[in-house]
């Protein structure tokens, strides 16, 4: 083997091997219908600790990297949360943990501190589509919520 072929092979392995390791990591997505309407089973319902606004619906779309992934993004989350009754929509980031197996806890907050929440799937048995239950507890805005029609997807 010539020196240039050897160096090309080494360079190829250095570039491809890390990508192969990263490619197998899980991605966790929580996404509810984000379709507020009068039917309480269509989207999440949030109960505020203070006065309850007329519109109790909330929504979210959050993506996380598996906490056990072998890459620099392990455990990181990014997405958005929406609180329709108080006109609050914020980008959020944070981290995810898994405990017990199959139950994911996403701790997320906005940069300005107006959103600070923990979301988790109710059951480790995930079903396809908008059929899973996700619970939420928030210190900002203060309250609790449930979203019965949520996509909980774990890939990888």
C-alpha atoms as a PDB file:
ATOM      1  CA  UNK A   1       0.000   0.000   0.000  1.00  0.00           C
ATOM      2  CA  UNK A   2       1.352   3.379  -0.919  1.00  0.00           C
ATOM      3  CA  UNK A   3       1.787   6.036   1.700  1.00  0.00           C
ATOM      4  CA  UNK A   4      -0.946   8.259   0.168  1.00  0.00           C
ATOM      5  CA  UNK A   5      -3.456   5.375   0.178  1.00  0.00           C
ATOM      6  CA  UNK A   6      -2.576   4.567   3.777  1.00  0.00           C
ATOM      7  CA  UNK A   7      -3.055   8.203   4.839  1.00  0.00           C
ATOM      8  CA  UNK A   8      -6.341   8.353   2.922  1.00  0.00           C
ATOM      9  CA  UNK A   9      -7.565   5.210   4.696  1.00  0.00           C
ATOM     10  CA  UNK A  10      -6.587   6.589   8.110  1.00  0.00           C
ATOM     11  CA  UNK A  11      -8.283   9.912   7.357  1.00  0.00           C
ATOM     12  CA  UNK A  12     -11.419   8.073   6.223  1.00  0.00           C
ATOM     13  CA  UNK A  13     -11.560   6.037   9.445  1.00  0.00           C
ATOM     14  CA  UNK A  14     -11.018   9.122  11.583  1.00  0.00           C
ATOM     15  CA  UNK A  15     -13.961  10.840   9.905  1.00  0.00           C
ATOM     16  CA  UNK A  16     -16.369   7.895   9.614  1.00  0.00           C
ATOM     17  CA  UNK A  17     -15.835   6.086  12.938  1.00  0.00           C
ATOM     18  CA  UNK A  18     -17.056   8.939  15.180  1.00  0.00           C
ATOM     19  CA  UNK A  19     -20.095   9.452  12.945  1.00  0.00           C
ATOM     20  CA  UNK A  20     -20.986   5.778  13.277  1.00  0.00           C
ATOM     21  CA  UNK A  21     -20.803   5.993  17.058  1.00  0.00           C
ATOM     22  CA  UNK A  22     -23.068   9.083  17.132  1.00  0.00           C
ATOM     23  CA  UNK A  23     -25.548   7.655  14.623  1.00  0.00           C
ATOM     24  CA  UNK A  24     -26.808   4.995  17.041  1.00  0.00           C
ATOM     25  CA  UNK A  25     -27.926   7.308  19.847  1.00  0.00           C
ATOM     26  CA  UNK A  26     -31.565   7.694  20.820  1.00  0.00           C
ATOM     27  CA  UNK A  27     -33.594  10.834  20.247  1.00  0.00           C
ATOM     28  CA  UNK A  28     -36.569  11.546  22.523  1.00  0.00           C
ATOM     29  CA  UNK A  29     -39.431  13.767  21.293  1.00  0.00           C
ATOM     30  CA  UNK A  30     -42.465  15.016  23.223  1.00  0.00           C
ATOM     31  CA  UNK A  31     -45.053  16.738  21.039  1.00  0.00           C
ATOM     32  CA  UNK A  32     -48.705  17.328  21.792  1.00  0.00           C
ATOM     33  CA  UNK A  33     -51.369  18.209  19.259  1.00  0.00           C
ATOM     34  CA  UNK A  34     -50.827  21.950  19.664  1.00  0.00           C
ATOM     35  CA  UNK A  35     -54.427  22.319  18.510  1.00  0.00           C
ATOM     36  CA  UNK A  36     -56.313  24.256  21.182  1.00  0.00           C
ATOM     37  CA  UNK A  37     -60.064  23.971  20.956  1.00  0.00           C
ATOM     38  CA  UNK A  38     -62.944  23.412  23.383  1.00  0.00           C
ATOM     39  CA  UNK A  39     -62.521  19.623  23.514  1.00  0.00           C
ATOM     40  CA  UNK A  40     -60.237  18.943  26.516  1.00  0.00           C
ATOM     41  CA  UNK A  41     -58.898  15.766  24.939  1.00  0.00           C
ATOM     42  CA  UNK A  42     -57.409  17.621  21.975  1.00  0.00           C
ATOM     43  CA  UNK A  43     -54.448  19.232  23.703  1.00  0.00           C
ATOM     44  CA  UNK A  44     -52.900  19.706  27.114  1.00  0.00           C
ATOM     45  CA  UNK A  45     -54.805  21.385  29.918  1.00  0.00           C
ATOM     46  CA  UNK A  46     -52.795  23.483  32.397  1.00  0.00           C
ATOM     47  CA  UNK A  47     -54.037  24.459  35.870  1.00  0.00           C
ATOM     48  CA  UNK A  48     -52.325  27.630  37.054  1.00  0.00           C
ATOM     49  CA  UNK A  49     -51.458  28.027  40.740  1.00  0.00           C
ATOM     50  CA  UNK A  50     -53.028  31.505  40.716  1.00  0.00           C
ATOM     51  CA  UNK A  51     -56.055  32.683  38.796  1.00  0.00           C
ATOM     52  CA  UNK A  52     -57.171  30.329  36.024  1.00  0.00           C
ATOM     53  CA  UNK A  53     -57.388  32.112  32.645  1.00  0.00           C
ATOM     54  CA  UNK A  54     -60.335  31.355  30.392  1.00  0.00           C
ATOM     55  CA  UNK A  55     -58.095  29.363  28.030  1.00  0.00           C
ATOM     56  CA  UNK A  56     -56.413  26.522  29.984  1.00  0.00           C
ATOM     57  CA  UNK A  57     -54.653  24.909  27.012  1.00  0.00           C
ATOM     58  CA  UNK A  58     -50.901  24.510  26.652  1.00  0.00           C
ATOM     59  CA  UNK A  59     -48.614  22.913  24.095  1.00  0.00           C
ATOM     60  CA  UNK A  60     -45.032  21.816  23.577  1.00  0.00           C
ATOM     61  CA  UNK A  61     -42.556  20.344  21.145  1.00  0.00           C
ATOM     62  CA  UNK A  62     -39.291  19.260  22.771  1.00  0.00           C
ATOM     63  CA  UNK A  63     -36.462  17.161  21.335  1.00  0.00           C
ATOM     64  CA  UNK A  64     -33.741  15.589  23.486  1.00  0.00           C
ATOM     65  CA  UNK A  65     -30.607  13.563  22.885  1.00  0.00           C
ATOM     66  CA  UNK A  66     -30.364  10.292  24.833  1.00  0.00           C
ATOM     67  CA  UNK A  67     -28.714  10.922  28.227  1.00  0.00           C
ATOM     68  CA  UNK A  68     -26.467   7.890  27.628  1.00  0.00           C
ATOM     69  CA  UNK A  69     -25.382   8.946  24.135  1.00  0.00           C
ATOM     70  CA  UNK A  70     -21.700   8.942  23.352  1.00  0.00           C
ATOM     71  CA  UNK A  71     -21.527  12.476  21.964  1.00  0.00           C
ATOM     72  CA  UNK A  72     -21.274  16.073  23.199  1.00  0.00           C
ATOM     73  CA  UNK A  73     -25.069  16.539  23.091  1.00  0.00           C
ATOM     74  CA  UNK A  74     -25.919  13.678  25.477  1.00  0.00           C
ATOM     75  CA  UNK A  75     -28.915  14.604  27.612  1.00  0.00           C
ATOM     76  CA  UNK A  76     -29.495  18.014  25.984  1.00  0.00           C
ATOM     77  CA  UNK A  77     -33.034  19.192  25.139  1.00  0.00           C
ATOM     78  CA  UNK A  78     -34.370  22.007  22.946  1.00  0.00           C
ATOM     79  CA  UNK A  79     -37.847  23.026  21.868  1.00  0.00           C
ATOM     80  CA  UNK A  80     -40.750  25.287  22.749  1.00  0.00           C
ATOM     81  CA  UNK A  81     -43.653  25.530  25.184  1.00  0.00           C
ATOM     82  CA  UNK A  82     -46.918  27.442  24.687  1.00  0.00           C
ATOM     83  CA  UNK A  83     -49.328  28.680  27.373  1.00  0.00           C
ATOM     84  CA  UNK A  84     -52.264  30.012  25.382  1.00  0.00           C
ATOM     85  CA  UNK A  85     -54.313  31.522  28.238  1.00  0.00           C
ATOM     86  CA  UNK A  86     -51.533  33.896  29.254  1.00  0.00           C
ATOM     87  CA  UNK A  87     -50.143  34.488  25.753  1.00  0.00           C
ATOM     88  CA  UNK A  88     -46.761  32.945  26.576  1.00  0.00           C
ATOM     89  CA  UNK A  89     -44.678  31.131  23.948  1.00  0.00           C
ATOM     90  CA  UNK A  90     -41.006  30.496  24.691  1.00  0.00           C
ATOM     91  CA  UNK A  91     -38.108  28.525  23.332  1.00  0.00           C
ATOM     92  CA  UNK A  92     -36.783  26.188  26.010  1.00  0.00           C
ATOM     93  CA  UNK A  93     -33.668  24.133  26.625  1.00  0.00           C
ATOM     94  CA  UNK A  94     -32.509  21.814  29.356  1.00  0.00           C
ATOM     95  CA  UNK A  95     -31.778  18.166  29.954  1.00  0.00           C
ATOM     96  CA  UNK A  96     -33.413  14.748  30.010  1.00  0.00           C
ATOM     97  CA  UNK A  97     -33.035  11.823  32.384  1.00  0.00           C
ATOM     98  CA  UNK A  98     -34.530   8.337  32.228  1.00  0.00           C
ATOM     99  CA  UNK A  99     -35.850   6.790  35.443  1.00  0.00           C
ATOM    100  CA  UNK A 100     -37.332   4.255  35.572  1.00  0.00           C
ATOM    101  CA  UNK A 101     -36.436   2.646  32.266  1.00  0.00           C
ATOM    102  CA  UNK A 102     -38.638   4.086  29.497  1.00  0.00           C
ATOM    103  CA  UNK A 103     -39.888   7.077  31.525  1.00  0.00           C
ATOM    104  CA  UNK A 104     -38.201  10.292  30.400  1.00  0.00           C
ATOM    105  CA  UNK A 105     -38.060  13.433  32.558  1.00  0.00           C
ATOM    106  CA  UNK A 106     -37.367  16.647  30.631  1.00  0.00           C
ATOM    107  CA  UNK A 107     -36.288  19.625  32.768  1.00  0.00           C
ATOM    108  CA  UNK A 108     -36.519  22.709  30.565  1.00  0.00           C
ATOM    109  CA  UNK A 109     -36.552  26.472  30.960  1.00  0.00           C
ATOM    110  CA  UNK A 110     -36.476  29.596  28.840  1.00  0.00           C
ATOM    111  CA  UNK A 111     -33.481  31.944  28.821  1.00  0.00           C
ATOM    112  CA  UNK A 112     -35.504  34.755  30.393  1.00  0.00           C
ATOM    113  CA  UNK A 113     -36.824  32.518  33.203  1.00  0.00           C
ATOM    114  CA  UNK A 114     -40.511  32.902  32.251  1.00  0.00           C
ATOM    115  CA  UNK A 115     -40.795  29.133  31.691  1.00  0.00           C
ATOM    116  CA  UNK A 116     -39.331  26.518  34.043  1.00  0.00           C
ATOM    117  CA  UNK A 117     -40.971  23.079  33.755  1.00  0.00           C
ATOM    118  CA  UNK A 118     -40.505  19.344  34.134  1.00  0.00           C
ATOM    119  CA  UNK A 119     -42.342  17.057  31.715  1.00  0.00           C
ATOM    120  CA  UNK A 120     -42.488  13.259  31.840  1.00  0.00           C
ATOM    121  CA  UNK A 121     -44.277  10.456  30.045  1.00  0.00           C
ATOM    122  CA  UNK A 122     -46.741   8.641  32.305  1.00  0.00           C
ATOM    123  CA  UNK A 123     -45.896   5.106  31.155  1.00  0.00           C
ATOM    124  CA  UNK A 124     -42.780   3.338  29.881  1.00  0.00           C
ATOM    125  CA  UNK A 125     -45.032   1.582  27.347  1.00  0.00           C
ATOM    126  CA  UNK A 126     -45.187   3.962  24.394  1.00  0.00           C
ATOM    127  CA  UNK A 127     -47.887   3.782  21.754  1.00  0.00           C
ATOM    128  CA  UNK A 128     -47.804   5.170  18.226  1.00  0.00           C
ATOM    129  CA  UNK A 129     -49.175   8.582  17.389  1.00  0.00           C
ATOM    130  CA  UNK A 130     -50.883  11.150  19.604  1.00  0.00           C
ATOM    131  CA  UNK A 131     -51.843   8.524  22.191  1.00  0.00           C
ATOM    132  CA  UNK A 132     -49.491   8.951  25.163  1.00  0.00           C
ATOM    133  CA  UNK A 133     -49.993  10.831  28.422  1.00  0.00           C
ATOM    134  CA  UNK A 134     -47.434  13.466  29.445  1.00  0.00           C
ATOM    135  CA  UNK A 135     -47.534  15.305  32.776  1.00  0.00           C
ATOM    136  CA  UNK A 136     -45.961  18.670  33.547  1.00  0.00           C
ATOM    137  CA  UNK A 137     -45.094  20.603  36.684  1.00  0.00           C
ATOM    138  CA  UNK A 138     -43.931  24.207  36.320  1.00  0.00           C
ATOM    139  CA  UNK A 139     -42.550  26.754  38.736  1.00  0.00           C
ATOM    140  CA  UNK A 140     -42.838  29.402  35.965  1.00  0.00           C
ATOM    141  CA  UNK A 141     -45.642  29.795  35.154  1.00  0.00           C
ATOM    142  CA  UNK A 142     -46.636  28.073  38.388  1.00  0.00           C
ATOM    143  CA  UNK A 143     -48.984  25.141  37.936  1.00  0.00           C
ATOM    144  CA  UNK A 144     -49.488  21.618  36.656  1.00  0.00           C
ATOM    145  CA  UNK A 145     -50.765  20.135  33.454  1.00  0.00           C
ATOM    146  CA  UNK A 146     -51.647  16.977  31.600  1.00  0.00           C
ATOM    147  CA  UNK A 147     -51.541  16.260  27.903  1.00  0.00           C
ATOM    148  CA  UNK A 148     -53.381  13.015  27.055  1.00  0.00           C
ATOM    149  CA  UNK A 149     -52.847  13.165  23.280  1.00  0.00           C
ATOM    150  CA  UNK A 150     -49.089  13.400  23.018  1.00  0.00           C
ATOM    151  CA  UNK A 151     -46.584  11.920  20.638  1.00  0.00           C
ATOM    152  CA  UNK A 152     -43.759  10.393  22.668  1.00  0.00           C
ATOM    153  CA  UNK A 153     -41.183   9.074  20.242  1.00  0.00           C
ATOM    154  CA  UNK A 154     -37.879   7.389  21.016  1.00  0.00           C
ATOM    155  CA  UNK A 155     -35.708   6.698  17.985  1.00  0.00           C
ATOM    156  CA  UNK A 156     -32.292   5.216  17.446  1.00  0.00           C
END
